[in-house]
C-alpha atoms as a PDB file:
ATOM      1  CA  UNK A   1     -35.040 -30.381 -28.466  1.00  0.00           C
ATOM      2  CA  UNK A   2     -34.196 -26.717 -27.969  1.00  0.00           C
ATOM      3  CA  UNK A   3     -30.693 -25.337 -28.470  1.00  0.00           C
ATOM      4  CA  UNK A   4     -29.881 -22.448 -26.160  1.00  0.00           C
ATOM      5  CA  UNK A   5     -26.942 -20.181 -25.487  1.00  0.00           C
ATOM      6  CA  UNK A   6     -25.029 -21.132 -22.359  1.00  0.00           C
ATOM      7  CA  UNK A   7     -22.678 -19.128 -20.144  1.00  0.00           C
ATOM      8  CA  UNK A   8     -20.318 -16.918 -22.106  1.00  0.00           C
ATOM      9  CA  UNK A   9     -17.810 -14.126 -21.689  1.00  0.00           C
ATOM     10  CA  UNK A  10     -15.370 -12.199 -23.814  1.00  0.00           C
ATOM     11  CA  UNK A  11     -12.475  -9.816 -23.361  1.00  0.00           C
ATOM     12  CA  UNK A  12      -8.894  -8.976 -24.280  1.00  0.00           C
ATOM     13  CA  UNK A  13      -6.054 -11.329 -23.385  1.00  0.00           C
ATOM     14  CA  UNK A  14      -2.304 -10.814 -23.425  1.00  0.00           C
ATOM     15  CA  UNK A  15      -2.296  -7.042 -22.814  1.00  0.00           C
ATOM     16  CA  UNK A  16       1.406  -6.693 -22.047  1.00  0.00           C
ATOM     17  CA  UNK A  17       2.439  -3.248 -20.879  1.00  0.00           C
ATOM     18  CA  UNK A  18       5.521  -1.749 -19.276  1.00  0.00           C
ATOM     19  CA  UNK A  19       4.893   1.353 -17.173  1.00  0.00           C
ATOM     20  CA  UNK A  20       7.817   3.651 -16.363  1.00  0.00           C
ATOM     21  CA  UNK A  21       7.522   6.133 -13.493  1.00  0.00           C
ATOM     22  CA  UNK A  22      10.240   8.796 -13.541  1.00  0.00           C
ATOM     23  CA  UNK A  23      11.169  10.540 -10.304  1.00  0.00           C
ATOM     24  CA  UNK A  24      14.063  12.671 -11.455  1.00  0.00           C
ATOM     25  CA  UNK A  25      16.954  10.366 -12.286  1.00  0.00           C
ATOM     26  CA  UNK A  26      15.425   7.427 -10.386  1.00  0.00           C
ATOM     27  CA  UNK A  27      12.965   5.400 -12.422  1.00  0.00           C
ATOM     28  CA  UNK A  28      10.603   2.534 -11.559  1.00  0.00           C
ATOM     29  CA  UNK A  29       9.464  -0.161 -13.988  1.00  0.00           C
ATOM     30  CA  UNK A  30       6.192  -2.106 -13.728  1.00  0.00           C
ATOM     31  CA  UNK A  31       5.779  -5.011 -16.167  1.00  0.00           C
ATOM     32  CA  UNK A  32       2.184  -6.252 -16.338  1.00  0.00           C
ATOM     33  CA  UNK A  33       0.191  -8.702 -18.415  1.00  0.00           C
ATOM     34  CA  UNK A  34      -3.555  -8.068 -18.158  1.00  0.00           C
ATOM     35  CA  UNK A  35      -6.579 -10.073 -19.265  1.00  0.00           C
ATOM     36  CA  UNK A  36     -10.159  -8.802 -19.194  1.00  0.00           C
ATOM     37  CA  UNK A  37     -13.369 -10.853 -19.371  1.00  0.00           C
ATOM     38  CA  UNK A  38     -16.876  -9.366 -19.431  1.00  0.00           C
ATOM     39  CA  UNK A  39     -20.271 -11.028 -18.887  1.00  0.00           C
ATOM     40  CA  UNK A  40     -23.804  -9.720 -19.163  1.00  0.00           C
ATOM     41  CA  UNK A  41     -26.524  -9.124 -21.728  1.00  0.00           C
ATOM     42  CA  UNK A  42     -24.573 -10.538 -24.657  1.00  0.00           C
ATOM     43  CA  UNK A  43     -27.042 -12.964 -26.201  1.00  0.00           C
ATOM     44  CA  UNK A  44     -27.794 -10.781 -29.234  1.00  0.00           C
ATOM     45  CA  UNK A  45     -24.231 -10.753 -30.513  1.00  0.00           C
ATOM     46  CA  UNK A  46     -24.122 -14.573 -30.412  1.00  0.00           C
ATOM     47  CA  UNK A  47     -27.568 -15.209 -31.830  1.00  0.00           C
ATOM     48  CA  UNK A  48     -28.102 -12.475 -34.443  1.00  0.00           C
ATOM     49  CA  UNK A  49     -24.801 -10.611 -34.635  1.00  0.00           C
ATOM     50  CA  UNK A  50     -26.143  -7.449 -32.944  1.00  0.00           C
ATOM     51  CA  UNK A  51     -23.163  -5.759 -31.244  1.00  0.00           C
ATOM     52  CA  UNK A  52     -25.083  -2.955 -29.538  1.00  0.00           C
ATOM     53  CA  UNK A  53     -24.131  -4.231 -26.086  1.00  0.00           C
ATOM     54  CA  UNK A  54     -20.561  -5.300 -26.896  1.00  0.00           C
ATOM     55  CA  UNK A  55     -17.759  -2.896 -25.893  1.00  0.00           C
ATOM     56  CA  UNK A  56     -14.923  -3.739 -28.277  1.00  0.00           C
ATOM     57  CA  UNK A  57     -11.960  -5.680 -26.929  1.00  0.00           C
ATOM     58  CA  UNK A  58      -9.739  -2.974 -28.439  1.00  0.00           C
ATOM     59  CA  UNK A  59     -11.527  -0.470 -26.208  1.00  0.00           C
ATOM     60  CA  UNK A  60     -10.777  -2.665 -23.222  1.00  0.00           C
ATOM     61  CA  UNK A  61      -7.077  -2.732 -24.161  1.00  0.00           C
ATOM     62  CA  UNK A  62      -7.012   1.056 -24.510  1.00  0.00           C
ATOM     63  CA  UNK A  63      -8.714   1.426 -21.138  1.00  0.00           C
ATOM     64  CA  UNK A  64      -6.007  -0.677 -19.491  1.00  0.00           C
ATOM     65  CA  UNK A  65      -3.307   1.528 -21.028  1.00  0.00           C
ATOM     66  CA  UNK A  66      -5.067   4.746 -19.995  1.00  0.00           C
ATOM     67  CA  UNK A  67      -5.627   3.603 -16.417  1.00  0.00           C
ATOM     68  CA  UNK A  68      -1.973   2.551 -16.152  1.00  0.00           C
ATOM     69  CA  UNK A  69      -0.857   6.053 -17.054  1.00  0.00           C
ATOM     70  CA  UNK A  70      -2.413   7.282 -13.789  1.00  0.00           C
ATOM     71  CA  UNK A  71      -0.206   4.849 -11.829  1.00  0.00           C
ATOM     72  CA  UNK A  72      -0.612   1.151 -11.189  1.00  0.00           C
ATOM     73  CA  UNK A  73      -0.220   0.913  -7.418  1.00  0.00           C
ATOM     74  CA  UNK A  74      -0.927  -2.540  -6.030  1.00  0.00           C
ATOM     75  CA  UNK A  75      -2.103  -4.870  -8.774  1.00  0.00           C
ATOM     76  CA  UNK A  76      -5.229  -5.767  -6.765  1.00  0.00           C
ATOM     77  CA  UNK A  77      -6.264  -2.107  -6.659  1.00  0.00           C
ATOM     78  CA  UNK A  78      -5.462  -1.666 -10.355  1.00  0.00           C
ATOM     79  CA  UNK A  79      -7.597  -4.689 -11.307  1.00  0.00           C
ATOM     80  CA  UNK A  80     -10.478  -3.535  -9.107  1.00  0.00           C
ATOM     81  CA  UNK A  81     -10.426  -0.041 -10.667  1.00  0.00           C
ATOM     82  CA  UNK A  82     -10.616  -1.560 -14.131  1.00  0.00           C
ATOM     83  CA  UNK A  83     -13.358  -4.064 -13.275  1.00  0.00           C
ATOM     84  CA  UNK A  84     -15.502  -1.396 -11.629  1.00  0.00           C
ATOM     85  CA  UNK A  85     -15.078   0.852 -14.656  1.00  0.00           C
ATOM     86  CA  UNK A  86     -16.231  -1.865 -17.060  1.00  0.00           C
ATOM     87  CA  UNK A  87     -19.364  -2.686 -15.023  1.00  0.00           C
ATOM     88  CA  UNK A  88     -20.251   0.964 -14.357  1.00  0.00           C
ATOM     89  CA  UNK A  89     -19.664   2.216 -17.890  1.00  0.00           C
ATOM     90  CA  UNK A  90     -22.020  -0.081 -19.806  1.00  0.00           C
ATOM     91  CA  UNK A  91     -25.447  -1.133 -18.514  1.00  0.00           C
ATOM     92  CA  UNK A  92     -25.312  -4.411 -20.443  1.00  0.00           C
ATOM     93  CA  UNK A  93     -22.123  -5.520 -18.655  1.00  0.00           C
ATOM     94  CA  UNK A  94     -23.049  -6.963 -15.264  1.00  0.00           C
ATOM     95  CA  UNK A  95     -19.804  -8.725 -14.349  1.00  0.00           C
ATOM     96  CA  UNK A  96     -16.148  -8.020 -15.084  1.00  0.00           C
ATOM     97  CA  UNK A  97     -13.119 -10.158 -14.353  1.00  0.00           C
ATOM     98  CA  UNK A  98      -9.610  -8.722 -14.572  1.00  0.00           C
ATOM     99  CA  UNK A  99      -6.478 -10.857 -14.220  1.00  0.00           C
ATOM    100  CA  UNK A 100      -3.061  -9.288 -13.769  1.00  0.00           C
ATOM    101  CA  UNK A 101       0.353 -10.959 -13.736  1.00  0.00           C
ATOM    102  CA  UNK A 102       3.385  -8.891 -12.741  1.00  0.00           C
ATOM    103  CA  UNK A 103       6.972  -9.631 -13.733  1.00  0.00           C
ATOM    104  CA  UNK A 104       9.536  -8.042 -11.423  1.00  0.00           C
ATOM    105  CA  UNK A 105      12.582  -6.047 -12.496  1.00  0.00           C
ATOM    106  CA  UNK A 106      15.324  -4.918 -10.107  1.00  0.00           C
ATOM    107  CA  UNK A 107      17.231  -1.668 -10.450  1.00  0.00           C
ATOM    108  CA  UNK A 108      20.917  -2.104 -11.263  1.00  0.00           C
ATOM    109  CA  UNK A 109      23.382  -0.367  -8.934  1.00  0.00           C
ATOM    110  CA  UNK A 110      25.105   1.664 -11.660  1.00  0.00           C
ATOM    111  CA  UNK A 111      22.359   4.276 -12.028  1.00  0.00           C
ATOM    112  CA  UNK A 112      18.685   4.862 -11.372  1.00  0.00           C
ATOM    113  CA  UNK A 113      17.374   3.842 -14.768  1.00  0.00           C
ATOM    114  CA  UNK A 114      18.867   0.440 -15.651  1.00  0.00           C
ATOM    115  CA  UNK A 115      17.212  -2.832 -14.706  1.00  0.00           C
ATOM    116  CA  UNK A 116      17.699  -6.589 -14.629  1.00  0.00           C
ATOM    117  CA  UNK A 117      14.979  -9.214 -14.893  1.00  0.00           C
ATOM    118  CA  UNK A 118      13.930 -10.516 -11.489  1.00  0.00           C
ATOM    119  CA  UNK A 119      13.517 -14.158 -12.547  1.00  0.00           C
ATOM    120  CA  UNK A 120      10.622 -16.302 -13.674  1.00  0.00           C
ATOM    121  CA  UNK A 121       8.316 -15.709 -10.703  1.00  0.00           C
ATOM    122  CA  UNK A 122       5.135 -13.693 -11.262  1.00  0.00           C
ATOM    123  CA  UNK A 123       2.851 -12.005  -8.770  1.00  0.00           C
ATOM    124  CA  UNK A 124      -0.789 -12.527  -9.773  1.00  0.00           C
ATOM    125  CA  UNK A 125      -4.271 -11.331  -9.024  1.00  0.00           C
ATOM    126  CA  UNK A 126      -7.733 -12.082 -10.391  1.00  0.00           C
ATOM    127  CA  UNK A 127     -10.688  -9.913  -9.383  1.00  0.00           C
ATOM    128  CA  UNK A 128     -14.391 -10.155 -10.157  1.00  0.00           C
ATOM    129  CA  UNK A 129     -16.796  -7.234  -9.790  1.00  0.00           C
ATOM    130  CA  UNK A 130     -20.546  -7.811 -10.058  1.00  0.00           C
ATOM    131  CA  UNK A 131     -22.735  -4.981  -8.815  1.00  0.00           C
ATOM    132  CA  UNK A 132     -21.462  -3.823  -5.429  1.00  0.00           C
ATOM    133  CA  UNK A 133     -19.757  -7.138  -4.673  1.00  0.00           C
ATOM    134  CA  UNK A 134     -16.202  -8.091  -5.497  1.00  0.00           C
ATOM    135  CA  UNK A 135     -13.940 -11.122  -5.100  1.00  0.00           C
ATOM    136  CA  UNK A 136     -10.142 -11.031  -5.030  1.00  0.00           C
ATOM    137  CA  UNK A 137      -7.789 -13.958  -5.576  1.00  0.00           C
ATOM    138  CA  UNK A 138      -4.074 -13.157  -5.349  1.00  0.00           C
ATOM    139  CA  UNK A 139      -1.042 -15.374  -5.678  1.00  0.00           C
ATOM    140  CA  UNK A 140       2.220 -16.307  -7.314  1.00  0.00           C
ATOM    141  CA  UNK A 141       3.232 -18.547 -10.180  1.00  0.00           C
ATOM    142  CA  UNK A 142       6.562 -19.978 -11.336  1.00  0.00           C
ATOM    143  CA  UNK A 143       7.937 -19.792  -7.792  1.00  0.00           C
ATOM    144  CA  UNK A 144      10.747 -22.345  -8.095  1.00  0.00           C
ATOM    145  CA  UNK A 145      11.795 -24.041  -4.840  1.00  0.00           C
ATOM    146  CA  UNK A 146      14.270 -26.839  -4.109  1.00  0.00           C
ATOM    147  CA  UNK A 147      15.660 -28.542  -1.041  1.00  0.00           C
ATOM    148  CA  UNK A 148      18.384 -31.172  -1.000  1.00  0.00           C
ATOM    149  CA  UNK A 149      17.163 -33.205   1.978  1.00  0.00           C
ATOM    150  CA  UNK A 150      14.224 -33.429   4.365  1.00  0.00           C
ATOM    151  CA  UNK A 151      12.043 -35.268   1.858  1.00  0.00           C
ATOM    152  CA  UNK A 152      10.941 -38.914   1.698  1.00  0.00           C
ATOM    153  CA  UNK A 153       8.592 -40.986  -0.427  1.00  0.00           C
ATOM    154  CA  UNK A 154       7.751 -44.573   0.446  1.00  0.00           C
ATOM    155  CA  UNK A 155       4.891 -46.906   1.325  1.00  0.00           C
ATOM    156  CA  UNK A 156       3.050 -46.401  -1.967  1.00  0.00           C
ATOM    157  CA  UNK A 157       1.191 -49.316  -3.651  1.00  0.00           C
ATOM    158  CA  UNK A 158       3.176 -51.687  -5.842  1.00  0.00           C
ATOM    159  CA  UNK A 159       2.116 -53.755  -8.822  1.00  0.00           C
ATOM    160  CA  UNK A 160       3.792 -55.318 -11.841  1.00  0.00           C
ATOM    161  CA  UNK A 161       4.378 -51.873 -13.388  1.00  0.00           C
ATOM    162  CA  UNK A 162       6.020 -50.259 -10.355  1.00  0.00           C
ATOM    163  CA  UNK A 163       9.752 -49.617 -10.709  1.00  0.00           C
ATOM    164  CA  UNK A 164      10.221 -46.620  -8.413  1.00  0.00           C
ATOM    165  CA  UNK A 165      12.203 -47.459  -5.283  1.00  0.00           C
ATOM    166  CA  UNK A 166      11.271 -46.287  -1.800  1.00  0.00           C
ATOM    167  CA  UNK A 167      13.432 -43.460  -0.521  1.00  0.00           C
ATOM    168  CA  UNK A 168      13.891 -41.854   2.865  1.00  0.00           C
ATOM    169  CA  UNK A 169      16.090 -39.032   1.553  1.00  0.00           C
ATOM    170  CA  UNK A 170      15.550 -37.324  -1.775  1.00  0.00           C
ATOM    171  CA  UNK A 171      15.984 -33.977  -3.454  1.00  0.00           C
ATOM    172  CA  UNK A 172      12.617 -32.187  -3.696  1.00  0.00           C
ATOM    173  CA  UNK A 173      11.982 -29.450  -6.251  1.00  0.00           C
ATOM    174  CA  UNK A 174       8.857 -27.774  -7.591  1.00  0.00           C
ATOM    175  CA  UNK A 175       7.553 -24.704  -9.375  1.00  0.00           C
ATOM    176  CA  UNK A 176       4.686 -23.396  -7.278  1.00  0.00           C
ATOM    177  CA  UNK A 177       1.510 -21.855  -8.598  1.00  0.00           C
ATOM    178  CA  UNK A 178      -0.384 -20.641  -5.538  1.00  0.00           C
ATOM    179  CA  UNK A 179      -3.601 -18.638  -5.463  1.00  0.00           C
ATOM    180  CA  UNK A 180      -5.336 -17.492  -2.313  1.00  0.00           C
ATOM    181  CA  UNK A 181      -8.830 -16.062  -1.920  1.00  0.00           C
ATOM    182  CA  UNK A 182      -9.030 -12.954   0.227  1.00  0.00           C
ATOM    183  CA  UNK A 183     -11.816 -11.626   2.412  1.00  0.00           C
ATOM    184  CA  UNK A 184     -12.280  -7.904   2.942  1.00  0.00           C
ATOM    185  CA  UNK A 185      -9.752  -5.333   1.718  1.00  0.00           C
ATOM    186  CA  UNK A 186      -6.428  -5.913   3.509  1.00  0.00           C
ATOM    187  CA  UNK A 187      -3.114  -4.216   2.888  1.00  0.00           C
ATOM    188  CA  UNK A 188      -2.529  -5.990  -0.427  1.00  0.00           C
ATOM    189  CA  UNK A 189       1.255  -5.634  -0.439  1.00  0.00           C
ATOM    190  CA  UNK A 190       1.738  -6.851   3.125  1.00  0.00           C
ATOM    191  CA  UNK A 191      -0.747  -9.693   2.702  1.00  0.00           C
ATOM    192  CA  UNK A 192       0.986 -10.885  -0.461  1.00  0.00           C
ATOM    193  CA  UNK A 193       4.486 -10.630   0.985  1.00  0.00           C
ATOM    194  CA  UNK A 194       3.511 -12.545   4.115  1.00  0.00           C
ATOM    195  CA  UNK A 195       1.598 -15.259   2.270  1.00  0.00           C
ATOM    196  CA  UNK A 196       4.576 -15.808  -0.021  1.00  0.00           C
ATOM    197  CA  UNK A 197       6.974 -15.860   2.930  1.00  0.00           C
ATOM    198  CA  UNK A 198       4.849 -18.425   4.749  1.00  0.00           C
ATOM    199  CA  UNK A 199       4.667 -20.672   1.685  1.00  0.00           C
ATOM    200  CA  UNK A 200       8.435 -20.602   1.219  1.00  0.00           C
ATOM    201  CA  UNK A 201       9.154 -21.125   4.912  1.00  0.00           C
ATOM    202  CA  UNK A 202       6.799 -24.111   5.142  1.00  0.00           C
ATOM    203  CA  UNK A 203       8.398 -25.712   2.092  1.00  0.00           C
ATOM    204  CA  UNK A 204      11.860 -25.254   3.582  1.00  0.00           C
ATOM    205  CA  UNK A 205      11.134 -26.426   7.134  1.00  0.00           C
ATOM    206  CA  UNK A 206       8.447 -29.073   6.710  1.00  0.00           C
ATOM    207  CA  UNK A 207       9.753 -32.654   6.739  1.00  0.00           C
ATOM    208  CA  UNK A 208       8.067 -34.028   3.656  1.00  0.00           C
ATOM    209  CA  UNK A 209       6.681 -37.549   3.334  1.00  0.00           C
ATOM    210  CA  UNK A 210       5.229 -36.669  -0.086  1.00  0.00           C
ATOM    211  CA  UNK A 211       4.757 -33.535  -2.162  1.00  0.00           C
ATOM    212  CA  UNK A 212       1.064 -33.757  -1.195  1.00  0.00           C
ATOM    213  CA  UNK A 213       2.143 -33.679   2.454  1.00  0.00           C
ATOM    214  CA  UNK A 214       4.168 -30.521   1.821  1.00  0.00           C
ATOM    215  CA  UNK A 215       1.395 -28.889  -0.225  1.00  0.00           C
ATOM    216  CA  UNK A 216      -1.023 -29.174   2.676  1.00  0.00           C
ATOM    217  CA  UNK A 217       1.554 -27.887   5.156  1.00  0.00           C
ATOM    218  CA  UNK A 218       2.177 -24.829   2.963  1.00  0.00           C
ATOM    219  CA  UNK A 219      -1.508 -23.978   2.689  1.00  0.00           C
ATOM    220  CA  UNK A 220      -2.082 -24.612   6.383  1.00  0.00           C
ATOM    221  CA  UNK A 221       0.774 -22.267   7.334  1.00  0.00           C
ATOM    222  CA  UNK A 222      -0.780 -19.423   5.351  1.00  0.00           C
ATOM    223  CA  UNK A 223      -4.275 -19.894   6.783  1.00  0.00           C
ATOM    224  CA  UNK A 224      -3.015 -20.201  10.361  1.00  0.00           C
ATOM    225  CA  UNK A 225      -1.223 -16.860  10.200  1.00  0.00           C
ATOM    226  CA  UNK A 226      -3.337 -14.751   7.822  1.00  0.00           C
ATOM    227  CA  UNK A 227      -7.012 -14.336   8.852  1.00  0.00           C
ATOM    228  CA  UNK A 228      -7.810 -12.346   5.699  1.00  0.00           C
ATOM    229  CA  UNK A 229      -7.145 -15.430   3.543  1.00  0.00           C
ATOM    230  CA  UNK A 230     -10.063 -17.860   3.224  1.00  0.00           C
ATOM    231  CA  UNK A 231      -8.517 -20.600   1.090  1.00  0.00           C
ATOM    232  CA  UNK A 232      -5.341 -21.487  -0.753  1.00  0.00           C
ATOM    233  CA  UNK A 233      -5.110 -23.472  -3.974  1.00  0.00           C
ATOM    234  CA  UNK A 234      -1.766 -24.913  -5.000  1.00  0.00           C
ATOM    235  CA  UNK A 235      -0.525 -26.534  -8.188  1.00  0.00           C
ATOM    236  CA  UNK A 236       2.943 -28.054  -7.753  1.00  0.00           C
ATOM    237  CA  UNK A 237       4.736 -30.089 -10.412  1.00  0.00           C
ATOM    238  CA  UNK A 238       7.318 -32.484  -9.033  1.00  0.00           C
ATOM    239  CA  UNK A 239      10.500 -31.432 -10.801  1.00  0.00           C
ATOM    240  CA  UNK A 240      12.193 -34.800 -10.648  1.00  0.00           C
ATOM    241  CA  UNK A 241      15.914 -35.064  -9.930  1.00  0.00           C
ATOM    242  CA  UNK A 242      17.307 -38.571 -10.341  1.00  0.00           C
ATOM    243  CA  UNK A 243      20.602 -39.514  -8.689  1.00  0.00           C
ATOM    244  CA  UNK A 244      23.196 -40.489 -11.281  1.00  0.00           C
ATOM    245  CA  UNK A 245      24.848 -43.866 -10.678  1.00  0.00           C
ATOM    246  CA  UNK A 246      28.532 -42.925 -10.584  1.00  0.00           C
ATOM    247  CA  UNK A 247      29.852 -46.411  -9.732  1.00  0.00           C
ATOM    248  CA  UNK A 248      30.467 -47.230 -13.409  1.00  0.00           C
ATOM    249  CA  UNK A 249      33.015 -44.411 -13.604  1.00  0.00           C
ATOM    250  CA  UNK A 250      35.302 -45.778 -10.917  1.00  0.00           C
ATOM    251  CA  UNK A 251      36.447 -43.586  -8.004  1.00  0.00           C
ATOM    252  CA  UNK A 252      34.715 -40.185  -8.046  1.00  0.00           C
ATOM    253  CA  UNK A 253      34.273 -37.243  -5.710  1.00  0.00           C
ATOM    254  CA  UNK A 254      31.938 -37.184  -2.728  1.00  0.00           C
ATOM    255  CA  UNK A 255      29.341 -34.844  -4.211  1.00  0.00           C
ATOM    256  CA  UNK A 256      26.039 -36.267  -5.428  1.00  0.00           C
ATOM    257  CA  UNK A 257      25.106 -35.655  -9.067  1.00  0.00           C
ATOM    258  CA  UNK A 258      21.491 -35.561 -10.277  1.00  0.00           C
ATOM    259  CA  UNK A 259      19.862 -35.685 -13.674  1.00  0.00           C
ATOM    260  CA  UNK A 260      17.238 -32.933 -13.756  1.00  0.00           C
ATOM    261  CA  UNK A 261      14.351 -34.279 -15.861  1.00  0.00           C
ATOM    262  CA  UNK A 262      11.856 -31.783 -17.254  1.00  0.00           C
ATOM    263  CA  UNK A 263       9.248 -34.354 -18.381  1.00  0.00           C
ATOM    264  CA  UNK A 264       7.213 -36.327 -17.697  1.00  0.00           C
ATOM    265  CA  UNK A 265       6.509 -34.977 -14.230  1.00  0.00           C
ATOM    266  CA  UNK A 266       4.111 -35.594 -11.387  1.00  0.00           C
ATOM    267  CA  UNK A 267       1.592 -32.792 -10.921  1.00  0.00           C
ATOM    268  CA  UNK A 268       0.254 -32.369  -7.391  1.00  0.00           C
ATOM    269  CA  UNK A 269      -2.730 -30.055  -6.846  1.00  0.00           C
ATOM    270  CA  UNK A 270      -4.924 -29.336  -3.867  1.00  0.00           C
ATOM    271  CA  UNK A 271      -6.978 -26.871  -1.862  1.00  0.00           C
ATOM    272  CA  UNK A 272      -6.636 -25.939   1.809  1.00  0.00           C
ATOM    273  CA  UNK A 273      -9.439 -23.825   3.241  1.00  0.00           C
ATOM    274  CA  UNK A 274     -11.175 -22.620   6.377  1.00  0.00           C
ATOM    275  CA  UNK A 275     -14.355 -24.520   7.181  1.00  0.00           C
ATOM    276  CA  UNK A 276     -16.079 -21.216   8.051  1.00  0.00           C
ATOM    277  CA  UNK A 277     -14.945 -19.262   4.979  1.00  0.00           C
ATOM    278  CA  UNK A 278     -17.489 -17.057   3.245  1.00  0.00           C
ATOM    279  CA  UNK A 279     -18.914 -18.359  -0.021  1.00  0.00           C
ATOM    280  CA  UNK A 280     -16.460 -18.069  -2.908  1.00  0.00           C
ATOM    281  CA  UNK A 281     -19.096 -17.003  -5.422  1.00  0.00           C
ATOM    282  CA  UNK A 282     -17.481 -16.483  -8.840  1.00  0.00           C
ATOM    283  CA  UNK A 283     -13.982 -15.970  -7.402  1.00  0.00           C
ATOM    284  CA  UNK A 284     -12.422 -19.057  -9.013  1.00  0.00           C
ATOM    285  CA  UNK A 285     -14.425 -19.221 -12.225  1.00  0.00           C
ATOM    286  CA  UNK A 286     -12.283 -19.170 -15.331  1.00  0.00           C
ATOM    287  CA  UNK A 287      -8.917 -19.253 -13.629  1.00  0.00           C
ATOM    288  CA  UNK A 288      -6.452 -21.359 -15.617  1.00  0.00           C
ATOM    289  CA  UNK A 289      -4.818 -23.119 -12.686  1.00  0.00           C
ATOM    290  CA  UNK A 290      -6.381 -25.649 -10.329  1.00  0.00           C
END
């Protein structure tokens, strides 16, 4: 039996940076978390501890900071600039992946340099550069959505352990992680804004017979309207809201009251894609979500 080194990569994770652009008294804040991952001729460092072909992860962190000082722009462009630098700068590095999450801040009305946190939602991108080829996957995570009607769930199998009742009207809530694989080099900002809008609109308007049913409708809406998007992957926890039985309290008001349970929760995941989409290559490799 031979023991051999399998696929491997390394990089710097959790590079959290805040970039401030000052235009007179009006400032702009960009809040990014970056992760790098490099692949290539790295066997020697694993097998004999020879680091000749191993750019330090601290160097990668410093590179991210230096590139950010020249302006971030769209996060897809920023990630591509970094990935191309890592593959061009070291012959031993043949593939670079850069992931970027962006937290939004909004400018407060009192002046041009005070900000409030924009919520939990993050804009995301993950790019891979290998030679002259690149792959871009953009998306959102922690996009929290809720609707108070227009959702059903019934007709599921029953056995001795089933206690859940059928319902033809329930509150539906989720926290969406959506990633979509892009083809070509579109207007990143417009493509992202429209994909997000389509996801939200489909969630709001689609009459849901299950969260799976809604997941597919959301992905389908994006693909039908955005030709630059080849596939959409969605991970959607069912944030359960259980109606509180108020009868024990005697006469009460007309409003419904729900217990919002944070765990356990159903986790619904799926992919919606074009049947003629170009090959994904390494686009999805290593991404933490489904």
